[in-house]
Amino acid sequence: MGDKLGIDWDWKEEDWVNYYYLGGTNIIDAAVLWKENSYIPDTFMCLSF
């Protein structure tokens, strides 16, 4: 998708548990974080599948 939109991007191999931040933003991919009260304040959390 990034290529079609003309957005430069890099693939990074990172070890993570439950969630990870997207590229230095306050956006969190939390697709495997299924715990009560797990929202992290002042972030945008998404579920990618």
PDB file of N, CA and C in Angstrom:
ATOM      1  N   MET A   1       0.820  -1.188   0.000  1.00  0.00           N
ATOM      2  CA  MET A   1       0.000   0.000   0.000  1.00  0.00           C
ATOM      3  C   MET A   1       0.865   1.253   0.000  1.00  0.00           C
ATOM      4  N   GLY A   2       1.928   1.259   0.800  1.00  0.00           N
ATOM      5  CA  GLY A   2       2.804   2.422   0.851  1.00  0.00           C
ATOM      6  C   GLY A   2       3.377   2.771  -0.507  1.00  0.00           C
ATOM      7  N   ASP A   3       3.728   1.751  -1.294  1.00  0.00           N
ATOM      8  CA  ASP A   3       4.264   1.994  -2.632  1.00  0.00           C
ATOM      9  C   ASP A   3       3.235   2.692  -3.518  1.00  0.00           C
ATOM     10  N   LYS A   4       1.997   2.238  -3.461  1.00  0.00           N
ATOM     11  CA  LYS A   4       0.937   2.845  -4.272  1.00  0.00           C
ATOM     12  C   LYS A   4       0.686   4.294  -3.882  1.00  0.00           C
ATOM     13  N   LEU A   5       0.868   4.611  -2.603  1.00  0.00           N
ATOM     14  CA  LEU A   5       0.634   5.972  -2.119  1.00  0.00           C
ATOM     15  C   LEU A   5       1.880   6.852  -2.206  1.00  0.00           C
ATOM     16  N   GLY A   6       2.997   6.271  -2.636  1.00  0.00           N
ATOM     17  CA  GLY A   6       4.233   7.040  -2.733  1.00  0.00           C
ATOM     18  C   GLY A   6       4.864   7.332  -1.382  1.00  0.00           C
ATOM     19  N   ILE A   7       4.637   6.462  -0.411  1.00  0.00           N
ATOM     20  CA  ILE A   7       5.175   6.645   0.937  1.00  0.00           C
ATOM     21  C   ILE A   7       6.423   5.789   1.096  1.00  0.00           C
ATOM     22  N   ASP A   8       7.521   6.405   1.530  1.00  0.00           N
ATOM     23  CA  ASP A   8       8.730   5.644   1.828  1.00  0.00           C
ATOM     24  C   ASP A   8       8.529   4.853   3.108  1.00  0.00           C
ATOM     25  N   TRP A   9       8.965   3.597   3.117  1.00  0.00           N
ATOM     26  CA  TRP A   9       8.824   2.776   4.311  1.00  0.00           C
ATOM     27  C   TRP A   9       9.953   1.757   4.373  1.00  0.00           C
ATOM     28  N   ASP A  10      10.194   1.258   5.555  1.00  0.00           N
ATOM     29  CA  ASP A  10      11.196   0.223   5.797  1.00  0.00           C
ATOM     30  C   ASP A  10      10.554  -0.902   6.590  1.00  0.00           C
ATOM     31  N   TRP A  11      11.009  -2.115   6.354  1.00  0.00           N
ATOM     32  CA  TRP A  11      10.573  -3.264   7.141  1.00  0.00           C
ATOM     33  C   TRP A  11      11.576  -3.464   8.256  1.00  0.00           C
ATOM     34  N   LYS A  12      11.090  -3.577   9.495  1.00  0.00           N
ATOM     35  CA  LYS A  12      11.959  -3.783  10.648  1.00  0.00           C
ATOM     36  C   LYS A  12      11.594  -5.081  11.339  1.00  0.00           C
ATOM     37  N   GLU A  13      12.603  -5.845  11.696  1.00  0.00           N
ATOM     38  CA  GLU A  13      12.391  -7.038  12.511  1.00  0.00           C
ATOM     39  C   GLU A  13      12.539  -6.624  13.967  1.00  0.00           C
ATOM     40  N   GLU A  14      11.468  -6.736  14.736  1.00  0.00           N
ATOM     41  CA  GLU A  14      11.504  -6.368  16.148  1.00  0.00           C
ATOM     42  C   GLU A  14      10.814  -7.437  16.979  1.00  0.00           C
ATOM     43  N   ASP A  15      11.385  -7.724  18.122  1.00  0.00           N
ATOM     44  CA  ASP A  15      10.716  -8.597  19.082  1.00  0.00           C
ATOM     45  C   ASP A  15       9.748  -7.745  19.893  1.00  0.00           C
ATOM     46  N   TRP A  16       8.530  -8.215  20.071  1.00  0.00           N
ATOM     47  CA  TRP A  16       7.551  -7.470  20.851  1.00  0.00           C
ATOM     48  C   TRP A  16       6.607  -8.445  21.544  1.00  0.00           C
ATOM     49  N   VAL A  17       5.969  -7.957  22.590  1.00  0.00           N
ATOM     50  CA  VAL A  17       5.020  -8.760  23.357  1.00  0.00           C
ATOM     51  C   VAL A  17       3.744  -7.938  23.543  1.00  0.00           C
ATOM     52  N   ASN A  18       2.623  -8.490  23.140  1.00  0.00           N
ATOM     53  CA  ASN A  18       1.285  -7.895  23.295  1.00  0.00           C
ATOM     54  C   ASN A  18       0.995  -6.724  22.368  1.00  0.00           C
ATOM     55  N   TYR A  19       1.920  -5.813  22.157  1.00  0.00           N
ATOM     56  CA  TYR A  19       1.681  -4.654  21.293  1.00  0.00           C
ATOM     57  C   TYR A  19       3.008  -4.032  20.884  1.00  0.00           C
ATOM     58  N   TYR A  20       2.923  -3.151  19.861  1.00  0.00           N
ATOM     59  CA  TYR A  20       4.103  -2.378  19.473  1.00  0.00           C
ATOM     60  C   TYR A  20       3.652  -1.029  18.926  1.00  0.00           C
ATOM     61  N   TYR A  21       4.522  -0.047  19.047  1.00  0.00           N
ATOM     62  CA  TYR A  21       4.255   1.294  18.529  1.00  0.00           C
ATOM     63  C   TYR A  21       4.625   1.342  17.055  1.00  0.00           C
ATOM     64  N   LEU A  22       3.828   2.059  16.278  1.00  0.00           N
ATOM     65  CA  LEU A  22       4.113   2.227  14.862  1.00  0.00           C
ATOM     66  C   LEU A  22       5.033   3.421  14.656  1.00  0.00           C
ATOM     67  N   GLY A  23       6.258   3.148  14.289  1.00  0.00           N
ATOM     68  CA  GLY A  23       7.236   4.139  13.856  1.00  0.00           C
ATOM     69  C   GLY A  23       7.318   5.444  14.605  1.00  0.00           C
ATOM     70  N   GLY A  24       7.525   5.425  15.883  1.00  0.00           N
ATOM     71  CA  GLY A  24       7.732   6.661  16.631  1.00  0.00           C
ATOM     72  C   GLY A  24       6.486   7.522  16.788  1.00  0.00           C
ATOM     73  N   THR A  25       5.315   6.910  16.663  1.00  0.00           N
ATOM     74  CA  THR A  25       4.057   7.641  16.830  1.00  0.00           C
ATOM     75  C   THR A  25       3.392   7.206  18.135  1.00  0.00           C
ATOM     76  N   ASN A  26       2.212   7.732  18.377  1.00  0.00           N
ATOM     77  CA  ASN A  26       1.430   7.264  19.523  1.00  0.00           C
ATOM     78  C   ASN A  26       0.355   6.267  19.071  1.00  0.00           C
ATOM     79  N   ILE A  27       0.604   5.628  17.934  1.00  0.00           N
ATOM     80  CA  ILE A  27      -0.291   4.600  17.408  1.00  0.00           C
ATOM     81  C   ILE A  27       0.267   3.234  17.800  1.00  0.00           C
ATOM     82  N   ILE A  28      -0.595   2.415  18.377  1.00  0.00           N
ATOM     83  CA  ILE A  28      -0.185   1.096  18.858  1.00  0.00           C
ATOM     84  C   ILE A  28      -0.972   0.018  18.134  1.00  0.00           C
ATOM     85  N   ASP A  29      -0.267  -0.978  17.619  1.00  0.00           N
ATOM     86  CA  ASP A  29      -0.912  -2.175  17.089  1.00  0.00           C
ATOM     87  C   ASP A  29      -0.984  -3.176  18.232  1.00  0.00           C
ATOM     88  N   ALA A  30      -2.190  -3.477  18.657  1.00  0.00           N
ATOM     89  CA  ALA A  30      -2.393  -4.345  19.819  1.00  0.00           C
ATOM     90  C   ALA A  30      -3.256  -5.553  19.465  1.00  0.00           C
ATOM     91  N   ALA A  31      -2.991  -6.152  18.318  1.00  0.00           N
ATOM     92  CA  ALA A  31      -3.836  -7.243  17.831  1.00  0.00           C
ATOM     93  C   ALA A  31      -3.890  -8.445  18.758  1.00  0.00           C
ATOM     94  N   VAL A  32      -2.861  -8.651  19.555  1.00  0.00           N
ATOM     95  CA  VAL A  32      -2.866  -9.822  20.441  1.00  0.00           C
ATOM     96  C   VAL A  32      -3.053  -9.448  21.909  1.00  0.00           C
ATOM     97  N   LEU A  33      -3.350  -8.194  22.175  1.00  0.00           N
ATOM     98  CA  LEU A  33      -3.531  -7.728  23.556  1.00  0.00           C
ATOM     99  C   LEU A  33      -5.011  -7.804  23.921  1.00  0.00           C
ATOM    100  N   TRP A  34      -5.426  -8.926  24.476  1.00  0.00           N
ATOM    101  CA  TRP A  34      -6.824  -9.142  24.831  1.00  0.00           C
ATOM    102  C   TRP A  34      -6.959  -9.243  26.343  1.00  0.00           C
ATOM    103  N   LYS A  35      -6.667  -8.143  27.028  1.00  0.00           N
ATOM    104  CA  LYS A  35      -6.766  -8.112  28.487  1.00  0.00           C
ATOM    105  C   LYS A  35      -7.649  -6.944  28.911  1.00  0.00           C
ATOM    106  N   GLU A  36      -8.391  -7.135  29.970  1.00  0.00           N
ATOM    107  CA  GLU A  36      -9.245  -6.082  30.499  1.00  0.00           C
ATOM    108  C   GLU A  36      -8.403  -4.891  30.941  1.00  0.00           C
ATOM    109  N   ASN A  37      -8.914  -3.679  30.688  1.00  0.00           N
ATOM    110  CA  ASN A  37      -8.263  -2.423  31.096  1.00  0.00           C
ATOM    111  C   ASN A  37      -6.849  -2.277  30.545  1.00  0.00           C
ATOM    112  N   SER A  38      -6.645  -2.675  29.306  1.00  0.00           N
ATOM    113  CA  SER A  38      -5.304  -2.624  28.729  1.00  0.00           C
ATOM    114  C   SER A  38      -5.047  -1.376  27.885  1.00  0.00           C
ATOM    115  N   TYR A  39      -6.024  -0.466  27.788  1.00  0.00           N
ATOM    116  CA  TYR A  39      -5.816   0.754  27.012  1.00  0.00           C
ATOM    117  C   TYR A  39      -4.669   1.564  27.600  1.00  0.00           C
ATOM    118  N   ILE A  40      -3.811   2.070  26.735  1.00  0.00           N
ATOM    119  CA  ILE A  40      -2.695   2.914  27.151  1.00  0.00           C
ATOM    120  C   ILE A  40      -3.100   4.358  26.874  1.00  0.00           C
ATOM    121  N   PRO A  41      -3.217   5.195  27.904  1.00  0.00           N
ATOM    122  CA  PRO A  41      -3.696   6.568  27.736  1.00  0.00           C
ATOM    123  C   PRO A  41      -2.887   7.362  26.704  1.00  0.00           C
ATOM    124  N   ASP A  42      -3.583   8.274  26.045  1.00  0.00           N
ATOM    125  CA  ASP A  42      -2.989   9.176  25.052  1.00  0.00           C
ATOM    126  C   ASP A  42      -2.420   8.450  23.841  1.00  0.00           C
ATOM    127  N   THR A  43      -3.015   7.314  23.492  1.00  0.00           N
ATOM    128  CA  THR A  43      -2.600   6.586  22.296  1.00  0.00           C
ATOM    129  C   THR A  43      -3.817   6.272  21.445  1.00  0.00           C
ATOM    130  N   PHE A  44      -3.537   5.886  20.218  1.00  0.00           N
ATOM    131  CA  PHE A  44      -4.551   5.340  19.327  1.00  0.00           C
ATOM    132  C   PHE A  44      -4.201   3.869  19.161  1.00  0.00           C
ATOM    133  N   MET A  45      -5.071   3.001  19.641  1.00  0.00           N
ATOM    134  CA  MET A  45      -4.795   1.568  19.576  1.00  0.00           C
ATOM    135  C   MET A  45      -5.630   0.942  18.466  1.00  0.00           C
ATOM    136  N   CYS A  46      -4.983   0.096  17.672  1.00  0.00           N
ATOM    137  CA  CYS A  46      -5.691  -0.593  16.596  1.00  0.00           C
ATOM    138  C   CYS A  46      -5.441  -2.091  16.701  1.00  0.00           C
ATOM    139  N   LEU A  47      -6.272  -2.836  16.004  1.00  0.00           N
ATOM    140  CA  LEU A  47      -6.137  -4.287  15.949  1.00  0.00           C
ATOM    141  C   LEU A  47      -5.885  -4.673  14.501  1.00  0.00           C
ATOM    142  N   SER A  48      -4.690  -5.120  14.189  1.00  0.00           N
ATOM    143  CA  SER A  48      -4.393  -5.548  12.819  1.00  0.00           C
ATOM    144  C   SER A  48      -4.495  -7.061  12.724  1.00  0.00           C
ATOM    145  N   PHE A  49      -5.033  -7.515  11.618  1.00  0.00           N
ATOM    146  CA  PHE A  49      -5.164  -8.958  11.400  1.00  0.00           C
ATOM    147  C   PHE A  49      -4.717  -9.280  10.005  1.00  0.00           C
TER     148      PHE A  49
END
